[in-house]
Amino acid sequence: MSTDAAAKGPASYFPSIEKKYGQPIAHWKELIRSSPLTKHMELVAWLKAEHGLGHGHANALVKHTLDEGAK
């Protein structure tokens, strides 16, 4: 077993999000924080519609960002 702590939960999606969409996670979190939307599913739908993210990736980013209390 590796001694490195593997990312769990929403953060486990972060490497594939960065690879697929070419932006660091900080970019997506800033978009979420700066959005006038506040509800989880509104933000997910917005990321999907306006930024082309898949549902799982959008959901993971929103959950992680909102859990940080940044919104």
N, C-alpha and C. Protein backbone atom coordinates (compact mmCIF):
# COMPACT_ATOMS: atom_id res chain seq x y z
N MET A 1 0.84 -1.19 0.00
CA MET A 1 0.00 0.00 0.00
C MET A 1 0.88 1.25 0.00
N SER A 2 0.51 2.23 -0.76
CA SER A 2 1.29 3.44 -0.89
C SER A 2 1.19 4.28 0.38
N THR A 3 2.23 5.01 0.69
CA THR A 3 2.20 5.90 1.84
C THR A 3 1.59 7.24 1.48
N ASP A 4 1.43 7.51 0.20
CA ASP A 4 0.79 8.75 -0.23
C ASP A 4 -0.70 8.68 0.05
N ALA A 5 -1.24 9.76 0.58
CA ALA A 5 -2.67 9.81 0.84
C ALA A 5 -3.39 10.04 -0.48
N ALA A 6 -4.20 9.07 -0.87
CA ALA A 6 -4.97 9.20 -2.10
C ALA A 6 -6.13 10.15 -1.86
N ALA A 7 -6.43 10.98 -2.86
CA ALA A 7 -7.55 11.90 -2.76
C ALA A 7 -8.84 11.09 -2.68
N LYS A 8 -9.74 11.56 -1.84
CA LYS A 8 -11.02 10.89 -1.67
C LYS A 8 -12.13 11.88 -1.94
N GLY A 9 -13.32 11.34 -2.18
CA GLY A 9 -14.48 12.19 -2.40
C GLY A 9 -14.32 13.02 -3.66
N PRO A 10 -14.89 14.23 -3.63
CA PRO A 10 -14.85 15.08 -4.83
C PRO A 10 -13.45 15.35 -5.34
N ALA A 11 -12.49 15.46 -4.45
CA ALA A 11 -11.11 15.78 -4.87
C ALA A 11 -10.50 14.67 -5.72
N SER A 12 -11.04 13.47 -5.65
CA SER A 12 -10.50 12.39 -6.46
C SER A 12 -10.71 12.64 -7.96
N TYR A 13 -11.63 13.52 -8.29
CA TYR A 13 -11.89 13.87 -9.69
C TYR A 13 -10.92 14.94 -10.23
N PHE A 14 -10.22 15.65 -9.33
CA PHE A 14 -9.45 16.81 -9.74
C PHE A 14 -8.40 16.55 -10.81
N PRO A 15 -7.60 15.48 -10.72
CA PRO A 15 -6.61 15.26 -11.79
C PRO A 15 -7.26 15.10 -13.16
N SER A 16 -8.36 14.38 -13.24
CA SER A 16 -8.99 14.19 -14.55
C SER A 16 -9.68 15.47 -15.03
N ILE A 17 -10.19 16.28 -14.11
CA ILE A 17 -10.79 17.57 -14.49
C ILE A 17 -9.71 18.47 -15.10
N GLU A 18 -8.57 18.57 -14.44
CA GLU A 18 -7.50 19.42 -14.96
C GLU A 18 -7.01 18.93 -16.32
N LYS A 19 -6.88 17.62 -16.46
CA LYS A 19 -6.41 17.05 -17.73
C LYS A 19 -7.42 17.28 -18.85
N LYS A 20 -8.69 17.02 -18.57
CA LYS A 20 -9.71 17.10 -19.62
C LYS A 20 -10.01 18.53 -20.05
N TYR A 21 -10.08 19.46 -19.10
CA TYR A 21 -10.52 20.82 -19.42
C TYR A 21 -9.39 21.85 -19.48
N GLY A 22 -8.17 21.42 -19.13
CA GLY A 22 -7.00 22.28 -19.31
C GLY A 22 -6.90 23.48 -18.39
N GLN A 23 -7.62 23.46 -17.31
CA GLN A 23 -7.57 24.56 -16.34
C GLN A 23 -7.30 23.98 -14.95
N PRO A 24 -6.58 24.71 -14.11
CA PRO A 24 -6.36 24.23 -12.75
C PRO A 24 -7.66 24.29 -11.93
N ILE A 25 -7.72 23.52 -10.89
CA ILE A 25 -8.90 23.48 -10.04
C ILE A 25 -9.20 24.87 -9.47
N ALA A 26 -8.18 25.63 -9.17
CA ALA A 26 -8.37 26.99 -8.65
C ALA A 26 -9.20 27.84 -9.61
N HIS A 27 -9.02 27.64 -10.90
CA HIS A 27 -9.80 28.37 -11.91
C HIS A 27 -11.29 28.08 -11.75
N TRP A 28 -11.63 26.79 -11.65
CA TRP A 28 -13.03 26.40 -11.54
C TRP A 28 -13.64 26.86 -10.23
N LYS A 29 -12.87 26.77 -9.15
CA LYS A 29 -13.38 27.22 -7.85
C LYS A 29 -13.66 28.72 -7.86
N GLU A 30 -12.79 29.48 -8.51
CA GLU A 30 -13.00 30.92 -8.58
C GLU A 30 -14.25 31.24 -9.39
N LEU A 31 -14.48 30.51 -10.48
CA LEU A 31 -15.72 30.70 -11.25
C LEU A 31 -16.94 30.43 -10.38
N ILE A 32 -16.89 29.36 -9.62
CA ILE A 32 -18.02 29.01 -8.75
C ILE A 32 -18.22 30.09 -7.70
N ARG A 33 -17.15 30.52 -7.08
CA ARG A 33 -17.25 31.56 -6.03
C ARG A 33 -17.78 32.88 -6.58
N SER A 34 -17.41 33.20 -7.81
CA SER A 34 -17.81 34.49 -8.37
C SER A 34 -19.19 34.46 -9.02
N SER A 35 -19.77 33.30 -9.15
CA SER A 35 -21.10 33.18 -9.76
C SER A 35 -22.16 33.76 -8.83
N PRO A 36 -23.17 34.41 -9.40
CA PRO A 36 -24.28 34.89 -8.56
C PRO A 36 -25.18 33.73 -8.09
N LEU A 37 -25.01 32.55 -8.68
CA LEU A 37 -25.79 31.39 -8.28
C LEU A 37 -25.28 30.88 -6.94
N THR A 38 -26.17 30.32 -6.14
CA THR A 38 -25.76 29.84 -4.82
C THR A 38 -26.16 28.39 -4.55
N LYS A 39 -27.14 27.88 -5.27
CA LYS A 39 -27.61 26.51 -5.01
C LYS A 39 -26.76 25.51 -5.77
N HIS A 40 -26.53 24.38 -5.10
CA HIS A 40 -25.66 23.35 -5.66
C HIS A 40 -26.04 22.97 -7.09
N MET A 41 -27.27 22.55 -7.31
CA MET A 41 -27.65 22.07 -8.64
C MET A 41 -27.72 23.18 -9.68
N GLU A 42 -27.98 24.41 -9.25
CA GLU A 42 -27.92 25.54 -10.19
C GLU A 42 -26.48 25.72 -10.69
N LEU A 43 -25.55 25.63 -9.77
CA LEU A 43 -24.14 25.78 -10.14
C LEU A 43 -23.68 24.63 -11.04
N VAL A 44 -24.11 23.42 -10.73
CA VAL A 44 -23.77 22.26 -11.57
C VAL A 44 -24.31 22.46 -12.98
N ALA A 45 -25.57 22.84 -13.08
CA ALA A 45 -26.19 23.05 -14.39
C ALA A 45 -25.47 24.16 -15.16
N TRP A 46 -25.07 25.20 -14.48
CA TRP A 46 -24.36 26.32 -15.10
C TRP A 46 -23.00 25.88 -15.64
N LEU A 47 -22.25 25.13 -14.84
CA LEU A 47 -20.95 24.65 -15.31
C LEU A 47 -21.09 23.74 -16.53
N LYS A 48 -22.13 22.94 -16.53
CA LYS A 48 -22.38 22.05 -17.66
C LYS A 48 -22.76 22.85 -18.91
N ALA A 49 -23.69 23.77 -18.77
CA ALA A 49 -24.22 24.51 -19.91
C ALA A 49 -23.25 25.56 -20.45
N GLU A 50 -22.62 26.28 -19.55
CA GLU A 50 -21.78 27.41 -19.97
C GLU A 50 -20.31 27.05 -20.19
N HIS A 51 -19.87 25.98 -19.54
CA HIS A 51 -18.44 25.66 -19.59
C HIS A 51 -18.15 24.26 -20.10
N GLY A 52 -19.19 23.51 -20.43
CA GLY A 52 -19.02 22.22 -21.07
C GLY A 52 -18.52 21.09 -20.17
N LEU A 53 -18.64 21.25 -18.86
CA LEU A 53 -18.20 20.19 -17.96
C LEU A 53 -19.23 19.06 -17.94
N GLY A 54 -18.75 17.86 -17.70
CA GLY A 54 -19.64 16.73 -17.49
C GLY A 54 -20.28 16.84 -16.12
N HIS A 55 -21.36 16.10 -15.92
CA HIS A 55 -22.11 16.20 -14.67
C HIS A 55 -21.25 15.83 -13.45
N GLY A 56 -20.54 14.72 -13.53
CA GLY A 56 -19.73 14.29 -12.39
C GLY A 56 -18.64 15.27 -12.03
N HIS A 57 -17.99 15.82 -13.04
CA HIS A 57 -16.94 16.80 -12.79
C HIS A 57 -17.51 18.09 -12.20
N ALA A 58 -18.60 18.57 -12.77
CA ALA A 58 -19.23 19.79 -12.25
C ALA A 58 -19.70 19.57 -10.81
N ASN A 59 -20.32 18.44 -10.56
CA ASN A 59 -20.82 18.13 -9.23
C ASN A 59 -19.69 18.08 -8.21
N ALA A 60 -18.58 17.45 -8.57
CA ALA A 60 -17.44 17.35 -7.66
C ALA A 60 -16.86 18.73 -7.34
N LEU A 61 -16.72 19.57 -8.35
CA LEU A 61 -16.18 20.92 -8.13
C LEU A 61 -17.09 21.74 -7.23
N VAL A 62 -18.39 21.70 -7.50
CA VAL A 62 -19.34 22.48 -6.70
C VAL A 62 -19.36 21.98 -5.27
N LYS A 63 -19.44 20.67 -5.08
CA LYS A 63 -19.48 20.12 -3.72
C LYS A 63 -18.24 20.52 -2.93
N HIS A 64 -17.08 20.33 -3.53
CA HIS A 64 -15.84 20.65 -2.83
C HIS A 64 -15.76 22.14 -2.49
N THR A 65 -16.14 22.98 -3.42
CA THR A 65 -16.08 24.43 -3.21
C THR A 65 -17.08 24.86 -2.13
N LEU A 66 -18.31 24.37 -2.21
CA LEU A 66 -19.31 24.75 -1.21
C LEU A 66 -18.95 24.19 0.17
N ASP A 67 -18.37 23.01 0.21
CA ASP A 67 -17.96 22.43 1.49
C ASP A 67 -16.86 23.25 2.17
N GLU A 68 -16.09 23.99 1.38
CA GLU A 68 -15.05 24.85 1.94
C GLU A 68 -15.65 26.10 2.57
N GLY A 69 -16.93 26.33 2.33
CA GLY A 69 -17.57 27.52 2.87
C GLY A 69 -17.22 28.76 2.09
N ALA A 70 -16.80 28.58 0.85
CA ALA A 70 -16.35 29.71 0.04
C ALA A 70 -17.49 30.44 -0.63
N LYS A 71 -18.67 29.91 -0.59
CA LYS A 71 -19.79 30.52 -1.32
C LYS A 71 -20.74 31.19 -0.36
